[in-house]
Amino acid sequence: MELPAPLRRAIEDALAETPLDALRRAGETLSQRYRAETRDGRLHIGDDLRARAYVAARMPATYAAIREAMAQTAGARPDLAPRSLLDVGAGPGTVLWAAADAFDGLCAATLLEASDPIRRMAERLAGGAFAFAPAFVAGDARKALAAAAPADLVTLSYVLDEVSPEEGRRLVAELWGRTQGVLIIVEPGTPAGWRRILAARAQLLAGGAHLVAPCPHHEACPVAAPDWCHFARRLPRSRLHRLVKGGEAPFEDEKFAYLAVARTPAPGPRARILSMPRGGGGRISLKLCRDDGALEERVVSRRDGEAFKAARRAMWGGAF
């Protein structure tokens, strides 16, 4: 899952004059805060250098996760054709780029972001890139939401880990109130991120939402700790990405958890693949979450004909 070429060029231009060592140090500081889920009243991205470091080190991975969540949502909901987007905690505009790539009909976007440095970066990256003019709104998300219009597609990505559980519940409720079509929430693919997704799932179901993805059912989640429901998307690393991250591998796997809910019901997948398919000797093993709310370890062999062909094409996170 690569960044769109115009975005890749815009990032390279934005970072051209920034020393690599400075980007690396700022990136390490950001990573420590994100991994620790630090909530000390300060914004993670509080200056221009951290904004540049985030774009270099984290934006490619978050783009891959968000774009995959949108792809799976669209696959489960073929009628999804949003024209308007409302994104809270927009960062450098990652959701905007993913949504514009996923949905051809998008023609309006409102993006709320409290950090001035990363919002300025978002405006710079998006400058002249779209057929419409995205609206970048400053200030606290909940206050800015009071003036925000409803949208066909509402998104909240990598935000719930930065607020308290109570703030998260209020934010989810307000976003659902502004959702005309589909609400997508994305969190890090950690046990803690999954628990936040579970809490949002329960809250939204109680509020009348219909699950779109990844869940193929409305029953209680059958996944039990120490396991957790998450997915992964592989993305290539650019030379700059490798240098800032201090890594040798030409790719990385971004693990994420997500939830998509809609105002109206629609037929969903019969099952969702919850881990990497395992194959060998003409057999493929799939870990499935079924539409009746049960987990299943299904083994498909060559004798199963079309099911085996489908299993050979199957991917972690896909429908089956």
Protein backbone atom coordinates (compact mmCIF):
# COMPACT_ATOMS: atom_id res chain seq x y z
CA MET A 1 0.00 0.00 0.00
CA GLU A 2 2.01 2.96 -1.30
CA LEU A 3 1.37 6.65 -0.75
CA PRO A 4 -0.18 8.40 -3.77
CA ALA A 5 2.57 9.82 -5.96
CA PRO A 6 1.48 13.48 -5.48
CA LEU A 7 1.59 13.02 -1.70
CA ARG A 8 4.99 11.34 -1.84
CA ARG A 9 6.39 14.25 -3.85
CA ALA A 10 4.80 16.81 -1.52
CA ILE A 11 6.40 15.12 1.51
CA GLU A 12 9.81 15.07 -0.14
CA ASP A 13 9.51 18.78 -0.95
CA ALA A 14 8.36 19.63 2.59
CA LEU A 15 11.30 17.79 4.19
CA ALA A 16 14.03 18.69 1.68
CA GLU A 17 15.72 21.28 3.92
CA THR A 18 15.40 19.41 7.23
CA PRO A 19 18.58 17.70 8.55
CA LEU A 20 18.19 13.92 8.79
CA ASP A 21 19.57 13.73 12.34
CA ALA A 22 16.99 16.23 13.56
CA LEU A 23 14.18 14.26 11.92
CA ARG A 24 15.44 11.03 13.48
CA ARG A 25 15.65 12.47 17.00
CA ALA A 26 12.21 14.06 16.76
CA GLY A 27 10.82 10.80 15.36
CA GLU A 28 12.22 8.83 18.29
CA THR A 29 10.59 11.23 20.76
CA LEU A 30 7.25 10.89 18.99
CA SER A 31 7.51 7.09 18.94
CA GLN A 32 8.18 6.99 22.68
CA ARG A 33 5.13 9.14 23.39
CA TYR A 34 2.87 7.11 21.12
CA ARG A 35 4.05 3.74 22.42
CA ALA A 36 3.59 4.88 26.02
CA GLU A 37 0.21 6.45 25.16
CA THR A 38 1.37 9.53 27.05
CA ARG A 39 -1.40 11.87 28.22
CA ASP A 40 0.27 14.76 29.98
CA GLY A 41 -1.87 17.61 28.65
CA ARG A 42 0.62 18.43 25.88
CA LEU A 43 0.11 17.78 22.18
CA HIS A 44 2.31 15.03 20.78
CA ILE A 45 3.10 17.24 17.78
CA GLY A 46 3.87 20.59 19.36
CA ASP A 47 6.33 22.10 16.89
CA ASP A 48 7.23 22.14 13.19
CA LEU A 49 10.10 19.67 13.57
CA ARG A 50 7.86 17.03 15.13
CA ALA A 51 5.32 17.65 12.37
CA ARG A 52 8.00 16.91 9.78
CA ALA A 53 9.16 13.85 11.71
CA TYR A 54 5.61 12.50 11.89
CA VAL A 55 5.15 12.90 8.15
CA ALA A 56 8.43 11.11 7.46
CA ALA A 57 8.15 8.28 10.00
CA ARG A 58 4.44 7.66 10.68
CA MET A 59 2.27 9.01 7.86
CA PRO A 60 3.06 6.19 5.37
CA ALA A 61 2.03 3.52 7.91
CA THR A 62 -1.12 5.27 9.10
CA TYR A 63 -2.10 5.90 5.48
CA ALA A 64 -1.75 2.18 4.72
CA ALA A 65 -3.92 1.20 7.71
CA ILE A 66 -6.63 3.78 7.03
CA ARG A 67 -6.72 3.01 3.31
CA GLU A 68 -7.08 -0.71 4.04
CA ALA A 69 -9.88 -0.06 6.54
CA MET A 70 -11.67 1.97 3.86
CA ALA A 71 -11.14 -0.78 1.27
CA GLN A 72 -12.64 -3.43 3.55
CA THR A 73 -15.53 -1.11 4.44
CA ALA A 74 -16.26 -0.46 0.77
CA GLY A 75 -16.05 -4.18 0.05
CA ALA A 76 -18.67 -4.90 2.71
CA ARG A 77 -20.77 -1.93 1.61
CA PRO A 78 -20.68 -1.66 -2.21
CA ASP A 79 -23.23 1.17 -2.16
CA LEU A 80 -20.85 3.41 -0.20
CA ALA A 81 -20.16 6.52 -2.30
CA PRO A 82 -19.51 9.43 0.07
CA ARG A 83 -19.42 12.95 -1.26
CA SER A 84 -18.50 14.64 2.02
CA LEU A 85 -15.91 13.82 4.70
CA LEU A 86 -15.61 14.93 8.33
CA ASP A 87 -12.31 13.92 9.95
CA VAL A 88 -11.43 14.64 13.58
CA GLY A 89 -7.80 14.68 14.70
CA ALA A 90 -6.77 15.03 11.09
CA GLY A 91 -3.01 15.28 11.65
CA PRO A 92 -1.25 15.84 8.31
CA GLY A 93 -4.42 15.02 6.36
CA THR A 94 -3.85 11.26 6.09
CA VAL A 95 -7.56 10.39 6.01
CA LEU A 96 -8.22 13.01 3.35
CA TRP A 97 -5.67 11.42 1.01
CA ALA A 98 -6.95 7.91 1.72
CA ALA A 99 -10.60 8.86 1.23
CA ALA A 100 -9.90 10.72 -2.02
CA ASP A 101 -8.08 7.62 -3.29
CA ALA A 102 -10.83 5.23 -2.17
CA PHE A 103 -13.92 7.22 -3.23
CA ASP A 104 -13.99 8.99 -6.59
CA GLY A 105 -17.08 11.02 -5.75
CA LEU A 106 -15.62 12.83 -2.74
CA CYS A 107 -16.07 16.56 -3.29
CA ALA A 108 -15.98 18.17 0.18
CA ALA A 109 -13.92 17.63 3.31
CA THR A 110 -13.73 19.23 6.75
CA LEU A 111 -10.69 18.35 8.84
CA LEU A 112 -10.41 19.26 12.52
CA GLU A 113 -6.96 19.44 14.14
CA ALA A 114 -5.81 21.04 17.40
CA SER A 115 -2.07 21.10 16.64
CA ASP A 116 -1.12 24.16 14.61
CA PRO A 117 2.19 22.69 13.30
CA ILE A 118 0.67 19.49 11.92
CA ARG A 119 -2.36 21.35 10.56
CA ARG A 120 -0.05 23.71 8.67
CA MET A 121 1.75 20.66 7.30
CA ALA A 122 -1.59 19.18 6.20
CA GLU A 123 -2.47 22.38 4.36
CA ARG A 124 0.94 22.41 2.66
CA LEU A 125 0.71 18.78 1.53
CA ALA A 126 -2.84 19.21 0.24
CA GLY A 127 -2.20 22.50 -1.56
CA GLY A 128 -3.68 22.24 -5.07
CA ALA A 129 -3.85 18.44 -4.91
CA PHE A 130 -7.64 18.07 -4.99
CA ALA A 131 -10.46 19.23 -7.25
CA PHE A 132 -12.13 20.73 -4.18
CA ALA A 133 -10.79 22.92 -1.37
CA PRO A 134 -10.56 20.99 1.92
CA ALA A 135 -11.53 23.01 5.00
CA PHE A 136 -8.88 22.77 7.74
CA VAL A 137 -10.35 23.82 11.09
CA ALA A 138 -8.22 24.74 14.12
CA GLY A 139 -8.96 24.21 17.77
CA ASP A 140 -10.20 21.62 20.23
CA ALA A 141 -12.05 18.82 18.44
CA ARG A 142 -15.18 18.83 20.60
CA LYS A 143 -15.57 22.61 20.38
CA ALA A 144 -14.97 22.61 16.63
CA LEU A 145 -17.47 19.77 16.22
CA ALA A 146 -20.23 22.01 17.54
CA ALA A 147 -20.07 23.99 14.29
CA ALA A 148 -19.33 21.07 11.97
CA ALA A 149 -21.95 19.94 9.47
CA PRO A 150 -22.93 16.25 9.14
CA ALA A 151 -21.06 14.24 6.51
CA ASP A 152 -21.49 11.06 4.50
CA LEU A 153 -18.18 9.68 5.79
CA VAL A 154 -17.00 10.51 9.32
CA THR A 155 -13.61 9.34 10.56
CA LEU A 156 -11.59 9.16 13.76
CA SER A 157 -8.14 7.63 13.33
CA TYR A 158 -5.41 7.18 15.95
CA VAL A 159 -7.17 9.59 18.32
CA LEU A 160 -8.88 7.54 21.05
CA ASP A 161 -5.46 6.51 22.39
CA GLU A 162 -4.74 10.20 23.07
CA VAL A 163 -7.84 10.98 25.17
CA SER A 164 -9.37 9.62 28.35
CA PRO A 165 -12.05 6.90 28.12
CA GLU A 166 -14.74 9.39 29.12
CA GLU A 167 -13.59 11.93 26.52
CA GLY A 168 -13.52 9.12 23.98
CA ARG A 169 -17.12 8.15 24.71
CA ARG A 170 -18.29 11.73 24.29
CA LEU A 171 -16.32 12.11 21.07
CA VAL A 172 -17.70 8.89 19.57
CA ALA A 173 -21.26 9.96 20.46
CA GLU A 174 -20.82 13.37 18.84
CA LEU A 175 -19.27 11.88 15.71
CA TRP A 176 -22.07 9.35 15.36
CA GLY A 177 -24.53 12.22 15.65
CA ARG A 178 -22.90 13.81 12.57
CA THR A 179 -22.71 10.63 10.53
CA GLN A 180 -25.09 10.52 7.57
CA GLY A 181 -23.61 7.35 6.09
CA VAL A 182 -20.62 5.56 7.61
CA LEU A 183 -18.37 6.19 10.62
CA ILE A 184 -14.89 4.62 10.56
CA ILE A 185 -12.67 4.46 13.66
CA VAL A 186 -9.04 3.28 13.43
CA GLU A 187 -6.72 2.57 16.36
CA PRO A 188 -3.26 1.01 16.79
CA GLY A 189 -3.32 -2.77 16.49
CA THR A 190 -2.43 -3.38 20.12
CA PRO A 191 -4.47 -5.06 22.86
CA ALA A 192 -5.23 -1.59 24.25
CA GLY A 193 -6.29 -0.33 20.81
CA TRP A 194 -8.58 -3.34 20.40
CA ARG A 195 -10.19 -2.68 23.78
CA ARG A 196 -10.94 0.88 22.73
CA ILE A 197 -12.51 -0.42 19.51
CA LEU A 198 -14.60 -2.88 21.54
CA ALA A 199 -15.83 -0.05 23.78
CA ALA A 200 -16.78 2.06 20.75
CA ARG A 201 -18.47 -0.98 19.17
CA ALA A 202 -20.66 -1.55 22.24
CA GLN A 203 -21.51 2.14 22.51
CA LEU A 204 -22.46 2.48 18.85
CA LEU A 205 -24.51 -0.71 18.77
CA ALA A 206 -26.44 0.58 21.79
CA GLY A 207 -27.01 3.79 19.83
CA GLY A 208 -28.59 1.98 16.89
CA ALA A 209 -25.60 1.65 14.56
CA HIS A 210 -25.26 -1.22 12.09
CA LEU A 211 -21.85 -2.94 11.86
CA VAL A 212 -20.19 -2.88 8.45
CA ALA A 213 -16.61 -4.08 9.06
CA PRO A 214 -14.66 -5.92 10.19
CA CYS A 215 -17.33 -7.71 12.26
CA PRO A 216 -19.63 -9.97 10.20
CA HIS A 217 -22.15 -10.09 13.07
CA HIS A 218 -23.70 -8.00 15.86
CA GLU A 219 -23.08 -10.58 18.59
CA ALA A 220 -20.55 -10.20 21.42
CA CYS A 221 -16.96 -10.33 20.14
CA PRO A 222 -15.79 -13.97 20.39
CA VAL A 223 -12.09 -13.06 20.57
CA ALA A 224 -10.78 -13.43 24.12
CA ALA A 225 -7.59 -12.19 25.77
CA PRO A 226 -4.69 -12.80 25.53
CA ASP A 227 -5.67 -12.83 21.84
CA TRP A 228 -7.03 -9.65 20.28
CA CYS A 229 -8.64 -8.70 16.97
CA HIS A 230 -6.30 -6.72 14.75
CA PHE A 231 -5.07 -6.63 11.19
CA ALA A 232 -1.87 -5.72 9.33
CA ARG A 233 -0.97 -3.96 6.10
CA ARG A 234 2.47 -4.15 4.51
CA LEU A 235 3.88 -0.97 3.04
CA PRO A 236 7.12 -0.22 1.22
CA ARG A 237 9.62 2.10 2.88
CA SER A 238 11.16 4.92 0.89
CA ARG A 239 14.83 5.70 1.41
CA LEU A 240 13.89 8.66 3.63
CA HIS A 241 11.47 6.50 5.62
CA ARG A 242 14.20 3.91 6.29
CA LEU A 243 16.74 6.53 7.30
CA VAL A 244 14.38 8.31 9.70
CA LYS A 245 13.22 5.03 11.26
CA GLY A 246 16.79 3.70 11.40
CA GLY A 247 15.69 0.44 9.77
CA GLU A 248 17.21 -1.77 7.10
CA ALA A 249 14.10 -3.59 5.84
CA PRO A 250 12.56 -2.19 2.63
CA PHE A 251 9.06 -2.61 4.09
CA GLU A 252 7.15 -2.58 7.37
CA ASP A 253 3.86 -4.05 8.58
CA GLU A 254 1.45 -1.65 10.24
CA LYS A 255 -0.86 -3.39 12.70
CA PHE A 256 -4.19 -1.73 13.32
CA ALA A 257 -7.69 -2.28 14.69
CA TYR A 258 -10.76 -0.65 13.20
CA LEU A 259 -14.53 -0.41 13.19
CA ALA A 260 -16.96 0.76 10.53
CA VAL A 261 -20.65 1.36 11.29
CA ALA A 262 -23.51 2.67 9.19
CA ARG A 263 -26.90 4.29 9.57
CA THR A 264 -28.64 1.56 7.57
CA PRO A 265 -28.11 -2.22 7.47
CA ALA A 266 -26.60 -4.06 4.52
CA PRO A 267 -25.56 -7.66 3.86
CA GLY A 268 -22.06 -8.25 5.23
CA PRO A 269 -19.44 -10.94 4.67
CA ARG A 270 -20.14 -14.47 5.88
CA ALA A 271 -16.80 -14.48 7.69
CA ARG A 272 -13.72 -12.33 8.33
CA ILE A 273 -10.17 -13.74 8.26
CA LEU A 274 -8.53 -12.88 11.60
CA SER A 275 -4.92 -13.95 10.98
CA MET A 276 -2.49 -14.74 8.20
CA PRO A 277 -3.69 -17.82 6.26
CA ARG A 278 -1.37 -20.82 6.71
CA GLY A 279 -0.81 -23.20 3.83
CA GLY A 280 1.14 -26.29 2.80
CA GLY A 281 0.62 -29.72 1.25
CA GLY A 282 -2.52 -28.71 -0.62
CA ARG A 283 -4.26 -27.43 2.51
CA ILE A 284 -4.92 -23.91 3.78
CA SER A 285 -5.88 -23.10 7.36
CA LEU A 286 -8.02 -20.03 8.02
CA LYS A 287 -8.94 -18.43 11.34
CA LEU A 288 -12.45 -17.08 10.79
CA CYS A 289 -14.92 -14.90 12.66
CA ARG A 290 -18.27 -16.14 11.33
CA ASP A 291 -21.56 -14.33 10.82
CA ASP A 292 -23.15 -16.35 13.64
CA GLY A 293 -20.69 -14.83 16.14
CA ALA A 294 -18.44 -17.88 16.47
CA LEU A 295 -14.73 -18.37 15.83
CA GLU A 296 -13.67 -21.20 13.53
CA GLU A 297 -10.37 -22.73 12.46
CA ARG A 298 -11.29 -23.95 8.97
CA VAL A 299 -9.02 -26.16 6.87
CA VAL A 300 -9.65 -25.99 3.13
CA SER A 301 -8.10 -28.56 0.78
CA ARG A 302 -7.86 -29.04 -2.97
CA ARG A 303 -10.90 -31.29 -2.76
CA ASP A 304 -12.98 -28.21 -1.85
CA GLY A 305 -12.65 -26.80 -5.38
CA GLU A 306 -13.78 -23.18 -5.55
CA ALA A 307 -13.39 -22.73 -1.78
CA PHE A 308 -9.73 -23.75 -2.10
CA LYS A 309 -9.18 -21.27 -4.93
CA ALA A 310 -10.75 -18.55 -2.77
CA ALA A 311 -8.58 -19.57 0.19
CA ARG A 312 -5.43 -19.31 -1.93
CA ARG A 313 -6.35 -15.69 -2.71
CA ALA A 314 -7.39 -14.93 0.87
CA MET A 315 -5.60 -12.30 2.91
CA TRP A 316 -5.52 -11.44 6.60
CA GLY A 317 -8.42 -9.06 7.22
CA GLY A 318 -10.32 -10.01 4.10
CA ALA A 319 -13.82 -11.43 3.81
CA PHE A 320 -14.35 -15.13 3.13
